[in-house]
N, C-alpha and C. Protein backbone atom coordinates (compact mmCIF):
# COMPACT_ATOMS: atom_id res chain seq x y z
N MET A 1 1.09 28.39 11.02
CA MET A 1 1.58 26.72 10.98
C MET A 1 0.57 26.47 11.58
N THR A 2 0.26 24.98 11.16
CA THR A 2 0.00 23.79 11.92
C THR A 2 0.03 22.90 13.42
N ARG A 3 -0.72 23.34 14.48
CA ARG A 3 -0.05 23.10 15.46
C ARG A 3 0.30 20.96 15.54
N ARG A 4 1.72 21.01 15.77
CA ARG A 4 2.12 19.29 16.07
C ARG A 4 1.57 18.94 17.52
N VAL A 5 1.62 17.65 17.29
CA VAL A 5 0.62 17.20 18.51
C VAL A 5 1.40 15.84 18.14
N LYS A 6 2.19 15.44 19.42
CA LYS A 6 3.38 14.20 19.62
C LYS A 6 2.17 13.12 20.08
N THR A 7 2.52 11.99 19.07
CA THR A 7 2.50 10.68 18.86
C THR A 7 3.57 9.48 19.03
N GLY A 8 2.81 8.61 19.27
CA GLY A 8 4.29 7.36 19.24
C GLY A 8 3.48 6.24 17.97
N VAL A 9 4.23 5.99 16.88
CA VAL A 9 4.46 4.92 16.58
C VAL A 9 5.44 3.95 16.37
N SER A 10 5.23 2.47 16.29
CA SER A 10 5.75 1.61 16.61
C SER A 10 6.48 1.48 15.07
N LEU A 11 7.64 1.27 14.76
CA LEU A 11 7.90 0.77 13.06
C LEU A 11 8.67 -0.30 13.16
N PRO A 12 9.24 -1.35 12.21
CA PRO A 12 10.08 -2.32 12.30
C PRO A 12 11.86 -1.87 12.64
N GLU A 13 12.76 -2.54 12.94
CA GLU A 13 13.63 -1.95 13.07
C GLU A 13 14.73 -1.74 11.75
N ASP A 14 14.41 -2.48 10.77
CA ASP A 14 14.71 -2.82 9.15
C ASP A 14 14.14 -1.10 8.66
N ILE A 15 12.84 -0.87 8.74
CA ILE A 15 12.63 0.58 8.46
C ILE A 15 13.41 1.43 9.09
N ILE A 16 13.50 1.65 10.49
CA ILE A 16 14.46 2.58 11.36
C ILE A 16 15.68 2.76 11.03
N ARG A 17 16.22 1.69 10.21
CA ARG A 17 17.24 1.31 9.63
C ARG A 17 17.41 2.56 8.19
N LEU A 18 16.41 2.36 7.19
CA LEU A 18 16.30 2.88 6.36
C LEU A 18 16.12 4.65 6.47
N LEU A 19 15.45 4.57 6.78
CA LEU A 19 15.16 5.94 7.68
C LEU A 19 16.67 6.87 8.06
N ASP A 20 17.05 5.93 9.20
CA ASP A 20 18.01 6.58 9.41
C ASP A 20 19.39 6.81 8.08
N GLU A 21 19.15 5.83 7.13
CA GLU A 21 20.11 5.47 6.34
C GLU A 21 20.32 6.85 5.27
N TYR A 22 18.47 7.21 4.69
CA TYR A 22 18.11 7.87 3.82
C TYR A 22 18.57 9.48 4.79
N MET A 23 18.31 9.45 6.30
CA MET A 23 18.84 10.63 6.59
C MET A 23 20.18 11.39 6.45
N GLU A 24 20.98 9.82 6.93
CA GLU A 24 22.20 10.05 6.77
C GLU A 24 23.11 11.08 5.36
N LEU A 25 22.19 10.24 4.12
CA LEU A 25 22.58 10.54 3.13
C LEU A 25 21.96 11.89 2.38
N THR A 26 21.06 12.46 2.86
CA THR A 26 20.55 13.33 3.01
C THR A 26 20.44 14.68 3.70
N GLY A 27 21.28 14.45 4.63
CA GLY A 27 21.44 15.50 5.51
C GLY A 27 19.99 16.06 6.45
N ALA A 28 18.82 15.04 5.93
CA ALA A 28 17.52 15.42 6.49
C ALA A 28 18.01 15.35 8.49
N ARG A 29 17.31 16.23 9.07
CA ARG A 29 17.57 16.28 10.39
C ARG A 29 16.41 15.53 11.27
N SER A 30 15.24 15.22 10.84
CA SER A 30 13.88 15.03 11.85
C SER A 30 12.84 13.99 11.56
N ARG A 31 13.13 12.91 12.12
CA ARG A 31 12.21 11.72 11.67
C ARG A 31 11.11 12.04 11.33
N SER A 32 10.30 12.98 12.58
CA SER A 32 8.80 13.24 12.55
C SER A 32 8.24 13.44 11.09
N LYS A 33 9.63 14.99 10.49
CA LYS A 33 9.12 15.36 9.62
C LYS A 33 9.03 14.55 8.29
N ILE A 34 10.03 13.48 7.95
CA ILE A 34 9.62 12.39 6.96
C ILE A 34 8.64 11.72 7.33
N LEU A 35 8.73 11.18 8.66
CA LEU A 35 7.76 10.55 8.97
C LEU A 35 5.68 11.28 8.71
N SER A 36 5.95 12.46 8.84
CA SER A 36 4.36 13.90 9.07
C SER A 36 4.43 13.50 7.20
N ASP A 37 6.09 13.30 6.51
CA ASP A 37 5.30 13.68 4.92
C ASP A 37 5.19 12.20 4.06
N ALA A 38 5.54 11.47 4.60
CA ALA A 38 5.08 9.98 4.11
C ALA A 38 3.44 9.75 4.86
N VAL A 39 3.60 10.63 5.81
CA VAL A 39 1.38 9.69 6.09
C VAL A 39 0.56 10.90 5.29
N LEU A 40 1.19 11.74 5.24
CA LEU A 40 0.17 12.93 4.59
C LEU A 40 -0.17 12.47 2.71
N ASN A 41 1.66 11.72 2.55
CA ASN A 41 1.34 11.55 0.76
C ASN A 41 0.20 10.75 0.67
N PHE A 42 0.63 8.97 2.15
CA PHE A 42 0.11 7.95 1.34
C PHE A 42 -1.49 8.68 1.97
N VAL A 43 -1.68 9.34 2.57
CA VAL A 43 -3.64 9.91 3.34
C VAL A 43 -3.43 10.01 1.55
N ASN A 44 -2.99 11.04 1.41
CA ASN A 44 -3.92 11.71 0.04
C ASN A 44 -4.23 11.09 -1.05
N GLU A 45 -2.75 10.26 -0.97
CA GLU A 45 -3.24 8.87 -2.77
C GLU A 45 -4.83 7.81 -2.16
N ARG A 46 -5.02 7.96 -0.67
CA ARG A 46 -6.50 7.41 -0.62
C ARG A 46 -7.10 8.23 -0.46
N LEU A 47 -7.53 9.45 -0.35
CA LEU A 47 -8.50 10.60 -0.12
C LEU A 47 -9.12 10.83 -0.98
N TRP A 48 -8.64 11.11 -2.27
CA TRP A 48 -9.11 11.29 -3.22
C TRP A 48 -10.17 10.65 -3.78
N LEU A 49 -9.93 9.39 -3.58
CA LEU A 49 -10.74 7.27 -3.83
C LEU A 49 -12.04 7.97 -3.03
N ARG A 50 -12.27 8.79 -2.40
CA ARG A 50 -13.75 9.16 -1.62
C ARG A 50 -14.74 9.66 -2.89
N THR A 51 -14.33 10.01 -3.27
CA THR A 51 -14.61 11.30 -4.65
C THR A 51 -15.34 9.72 -5.66
N ASN A 52 -16.86 9.23 -5.93
CA ASN A 52 -17.32 8.26 -6.56
C ASN A 52 -17.03 8.48 -8.06
N ARG A 53 -16.35 7.98 -8.59
CA ARG A 53 -16.01 8.13 -10.04
C ARG A 53 -15.70 6.52 -10.41
N ASN A 54 -15.36 6.45 -11.65
CA ASN A 54 -14.66 5.29 -12.17
C ASN A 54 -13.62 5.73 -12.57
N ILE A 55 -12.51 5.05 -12.31
CA ILE A 55 -11.28 5.27 -12.10
C ILE A 55 -10.36 3.29 -12.65
N MET A 56 -9.44 3.89 -13.12
CA MET A 56 -7.77 2.40 -13.59
C MET A 56 -7.06 2.76 -12.72
N GLY A 57 -6.81 1.75 -12.64
CA GLY A 57 -4.84 1.98 -11.80
C GLY A 57 -4.09 0.68 -11.53
N VAL A 58 -3.19 0.61 -11.06
CA VAL A 58 -2.43 -0.41 -10.81
C VAL A 58 -2.09 -0.66 -9.15
N LEU A 59 -2.31 -1.85 -8.10
CA LEU A 59 -2.32 -2.15 -7.31
C LEU A 59 -0.71 -2.89 -6.92
N ILE A 60 0.07 -2.44 -6.47
CA ILE A 60 1.58 -3.03 -6.20
C ILE A 60 1.28 -3.70 -4.89
N VAL A 61 1.23 -4.91 -4.51
CA VAL A 61 1.28 -5.94 -3.33
C VAL A 61 2.49 -6.74 -3.65
N ILE A 62 3.07 -6.25 -2.08
CA ILE A 62 4.48 -7.09 -2.04
C ILE A 62 4.30 -7.95 -0.39
N TYR A 63 4.19 -9.44 -0.06
CA TYR A 63 3.89 -10.25 0.85
C TYR A 63 4.80 -11.00 0.78
N ASN A 64 4.61 -11.93 2.14
CA ASN A 64 5.45 -12.77 2.61
C ASN A 64 4.70 -14.03 2.31
N GLU A 65 5.10 -14.92 1.55
CA GLU A 65 4.34 -16.09 1.25
C GLU A 65 4.19 -17.06 2.29
N LYS A 66 4.76 -16.76 3.19
CA LYS A 66 5.15 -18.51 4.13
C LYS A 66 4.26 -17.81 5.60
N ARG A 67 3.95 -16.57 5.57
CA ARG A 67 3.18 -16.11 6.63
C ARG A 67 1.84 -17.02 6.36
N GLY A 68 1.24 -17.81 7.64
CA GLY A 68 -0.27 -17.77 7.53
C GLY A 68 -0.53 -18.22 6.30
N GLU A 69 -2.23 -17.56 6.42
CA GLU A 69 -3.01 -17.64 5.13
C GLU A 69 -2.89 -16.60 4.48
N THR A 70 -1.80 -15.89 3.72
CA THR A 70 -1.92 -15.12 3.82
C THR A 70 -1.76 -14.81 2.18
N VAL A 71 -1.60 -16.48 0.82
CA VAL A 71 -2.03 -17.04 -0.37
C VAL A 71 -3.50 -16.85 -0.73
N LYS A 72 -3.81 -17.80 0.51
CA LYS A 72 -5.50 -17.51 0.42
C LYS A 72 -6.33 -16.71 0.73
N LYS A 73 -5.74 -16.15 1.67
CA LYS A 73 -6.93 -14.48 1.64
C LYS A 73 -6.86 -13.68 0.67
N LEU A 74 -5.30 -13.62 0.19
CA LEU A 74 -5.29 -12.54 -1.12
C LEU A 74 -6.24 -13.52 -2.46
N LEU A 75 -5.96 -14.86 -2.81
CA LEU A 75 -7.10 -15.17 -3.61
C LEU A 75 -8.45 -14.69 -3.76
N ASP A 76 -8.36 -14.90 -2.10
CA ASP A 76 -10.28 -15.00 -1.82
C ASP A 76 -10.74 -13.51 -2.39
N ILE A 77 -9.95 -12.79 -2.06
CA ILE A 77 -10.20 -10.90 -1.63
C ILE A 77 -10.30 -11.06 -3.42
N GLN A 78 -9.35 -11.52 -4.18
CA GLN A 78 -9.28 -10.92 -5.33
C GLN A 78 -10.33 -11.32 -6.20
N HIS A 79 -11.17 -13.09 -5.92
CA HIS A 79 -12.09 -13.93 -6.31
C HIS A 79 -13.64 -12.95 -6.02
N GLU A 80 -13.17 -12.55 -4.90
CA GLU A 80 -14.40 -11.60 -4.57
C GLU A 80 -14.66 -9.94 -5.34
N TYR A 81 -13.85 -9.32 -5.85
CA TYR A 81 -13.13 -8.21 -7.00
C TYR A 81 -13.34 -8.72 -8.22
N LEU A 82 -13.69 -9.61 -8.54
CA LEU A 82 -13.49 -10.12 -10.20
C LEU A 82 -14.01 -9.13 -10.75
N ASP A 83 -14.82 -8.73 -10.30
CA ASP A 83 -15.54 -7.14 -11.59
C ASP A 83 -14.74 -6.45 -11.76
N ASN A 84 -13.58 -5.97 -10.85
CA ASN A 84 -12.89 -4.96 -10.49
C ASN A 84 -11.51 -5.04 -11.31
N ILE A 85 -10.78 -6.47 -11.02
CA ILE A 85 -9.64 -7.08 -11.41
C ILE A 85 -9.60 -7.27 -13.08
N SER A 86 -8.61 -6.82 -13.80
CA SER A 86 -8.33 -6.71 -14.82
C SER A 86 -7.27 -8.06 -15.52
N ALA A 87 -6.50 -7.44 -14.84
CA ALA A 87 -5.38 -8.83 -14.92
C ALA A 87 -4.49 -8.99 -13.90
N THR A 88 -3.79 -10.00 -13.27
CA THR A 88 -2.50 -9.65 -12.46
C THR A 88 -1.53 -10.71 -13.03
N LEU A 89 -0.13 -9.74 -12.01
CA LEU A 89 1.04 -10.40 -12.86
C LEU A 89 1.25 -10.48 -11.43
N HIS A 90 2.25 -12.22 -11.23
CA HIS A 90 2.84 -12.96 -9.83
C HIS A 90 4.22 -13.00 -10.21
N ILE A 91 4.80 -12.59 -9.65
CA ILE A 91 6.60 -12.49 -9.25
C ILE A 91 7.02 -12.95 -8.07
N HIS A 92 7.81 -14.60 -8.32
CA HIS A 92 8.40 -14.06 -7.47
C HIS A 92 9.51 -14.13 -6.54
N ALA A 93 10.09 -13.07 -6.18
CA ALA A 93 10.93 -12.18 -5.73
C ALA A 93 12.07 -13.13 -5.36
N THR A 94 11.78 -13.25 -4.12
CA THR A 94 12.84 -14.24 -3.14
C THR A 94 11.88 -15.48 -2.83
N HIS A 95 12.88 -16.06 -2.01
CA HIS A 95 11.79 -17.61 -1.44
C HIS A 95 11.16 -17.36 -0.77
N ASP A 96 10.81 -16.32 -0.19
CA ASP A 96 9.39 -15.95 0.65
C ASP A 96 8.61 -15.12 0.40
N LYS A 97 9.17 -13.97 -0.22
CA LYS A 97 8.24 -13.27 -0.90
C LYS A 97 7.86 -12.59 -2.58
N CYS A 98 6.94 -12.59 -2.40
CA CYS A 98 6.46 -12.26 -3.46
C CYS A 98 5.72 -10.98 -4.50
N LEU A 99 5.75 -10.78 -5.12
CA LEU A 99 5.22 -9.39 -5.73
C LEU A 99 3.65 -9.27 -6.85
N GLU A 100 2.85 -8.85 -6.21
CA GLU A 100 1.60 -8.97 -7.40
C GLU A 100 1.62 -7.33 -7.90
N VAL A 101 1.38 -7.23 -9.26
CA VAL A 101 0.76 -6.29 -9.96
C VAL A 101 -0.57 -6.53 -10.60
N ILE A 102 -1.69 -5.68 -9.65
CA ILE A 102 -2.89 -6.12 -10.31
C ILE A 102 -3.48 -4.90 -10.66
N LEU A 103 -3.79 -4.97 -12.02
CA LEU A 103 -4.10 -3.64 -13.11
C LEU A 103 -6.20 -3.95 -13.07
N ILE A 104 -6.97 -2.93 -12.02
CA ILE A 104 -7.94 -2.52 -11.18
C ILE A 104 -8.48 -1.54 -11.83
N LYS A 105 -10.30 -1.45 -12.18
CA LYS A 105 -10.51 -0.85 -12.60
C LYS A 105 -12.44 -0.62 -11.69
N GLY A 106 -12.75 0.23 -11.79
CA GLY A 106 -14.41 0.27 -11.40
C GLY A 106 -14.40 1.54 -10.69
N GLU A 107 -15.65 1.79 -9.76
CA GLU A 107 -15.64 2.84 -8.93
C GLU A 107 -14.82 3.26 -7.92
N SER A 108 -14.47 4.39 -7.49
CA SER A 108 -13.64 4.19 -6.38
C SER A 108 -13.62 4.28 -5.50
N THR A 109 -15.07 4.46 -4.71
CA THR A 109 -14.75 4.00 -3.34
C THR A 109 -15.21 2.40 -3.29
N ARG A 110 -15.51 0.98 -4.11
CA ARG A 110 -15.38 -0.28 -4.37
C ARG A 110 -13.53 -0.67 -4.47
N ILE A 111 -12.59 0.69 -5.38
CA ILE A 111 -11.47 0.26 -4.89
C ILE A 111 -11.16 0.70 -3.98
N LEU A 112 -11.31 1.39 -3.08
CA LEU A 112 -10.71 1.59 -2.08
C LEU A 112 -10.84 0.73 -0.90
N ARG A 113 -12.10 0.01 -0.85
CA ARG A 113 -12.11 -0.92 -0.12
C ARG A 113 -11.15 -1.90 -0.34
N LEU A 114 -10.91 -2.60 -1.55
CA LEU A 114 -10.42 -3.19 -2.21
C LEU A 114 -8.84 -3.02 -1.53
N LEU A 115 -8.45 -2.11 -1.70
CA LEU A 115 -7.40 -1.77 -1.10
C LEU A 115 -7.19 -1.58 0.73
N GLY A 116 -8.14 -1.58 1.14
CA GLY A 116 -8.12 -1.79 2.36
C GLY A 116 -8.13 -3.32 3.35
N ASP A 117 -8.89 -3.98 2.48
CA ASP A 117 -8.96 -5.22 2.62
C ASP A 117 -7.48 -6.11 2.13
N MET A 118 -7.18 -5.74 1.33
CA MET A 118 -5.13 -6.27 0.54
C MET A 118 -4.78 -5.66 2.05
N GLN A 119 -4.70 -4.70 2.69
CA GLN A 119 -3.68 -4.40 3.36
C GLN A 119 -4.22 -4.40 4.82
N ASN A 120 -5.37 -5.10 5.28
CA ASN A 120 -5.25 -6.02 6.71
C ASN A 120 -4.96 -7.44 6.40
N ILE A 121 -4.69 -7.96 5.69
CA ILE A 121 -4.38 -9.46 5.37
C ILE A 121 -2.82 -9.72 6.08
N VAL A 122 -2.80 -10.16 6.81
CA VAL A 122 -1.16 -10.74 8.08
C VAL A 122 -0.31 -11.29 7.01
N GLY A 123 0.69 -10.93 6.94
CA GLY A 123 1.94 -11.01 5.93
C GLY A 123 1.96 -10.25 4.16
N VAL A 124 0.94 -9.21 4.42
CA VAL A 124 0.90 -7.96 3.09
C VAL A 124 1.82 -6.85 4.08
N GLU A 125 2.80 -6.65 3.26
CA GLU A 125 3.88 -5.85 3.68
C GLU A 125 3.95 -4.19 3.21
N TYR A 126 3.42 -4.40 1.80
CA TYR A 126 3.54 -3.61 1.44
C TYR A 126 2.15 -2.98 0.55
N THR A 127 1.52 -2.04 0.32
CA THR A 127 0.18 -1.77 -1.27
C THR A 127 1.26 -0.39 -1.63
N LYS A 128 1.17 -0.52 -2.64
CA LYS A 128 0.63 0.87 -2.99
C LYS A 128 -0.52 1.07 -4.32
N PHE A 129 -1.45 1.87 -4.20
CA PHE A 129 -2.29 2.28 -5.63
C PHE A 129 -1.78 3.20 -6.70
N VAL A 130 -1.26 3.11 -8.14
CA VAL A 130 -1.02 4.39 -8.89
C VAL A 130 -2.19 4.21 -9.51
N PRO A 131 -3.25 5.27 -9.21
CA PRO A 131 -4.08 5.69 -10.43
C PRO A 131 -3.16 6.25 -11.57
N PHE A 132 -4.47 5.72 -13.12
CA PHE A 132 -3.46 5.98 -14.31
C PHE A 132 -4.49 7.47 -14.89
N THR A 133 -6.16 6.91 -14.41
CA THR A 133 -6.99 7.26 -15.36
C THR A 133 -8.42 7.35 -15.24
N GLU A 134 -8.93 8.10 -15.30
CA GLU A 134 -10.67 8.30 -14.98
C GLU A 134 -11.46 7.63 -16.26
N ILE A 135 -12.18 6.75 -16.29
CA ILE A 135 -12.95 5.92 -16.60
C ILE A 135 -14.31 6.66 -17.33
């Protein structure tokens, strides 16, 4: 068994509430185990992108469009990766929140950089890349 290392993580209160609600519904007893599984899933989804190959997939981005220059920065990045972005679907989910579904193709190492660039924008609240084929 792998040795566990204690670490501290700051999370928004609403995420803790959702986590606690999930634990109550499922009878789960360990936040640490749930967070460990979530982090492992997150890292595994992205680490396979290290191997340079041509891939296609969908990037889901949820962001607060009222926060700073979020929209401008998202558009700047999308223009920077024009050769990788095939299509974008934009949905106004609420008054403040938007959802974008972006069809992406290209070298996996470049896609990984695009994901990192999106995640680093203040106002971006959630990203998920779903690969669906190697091209």
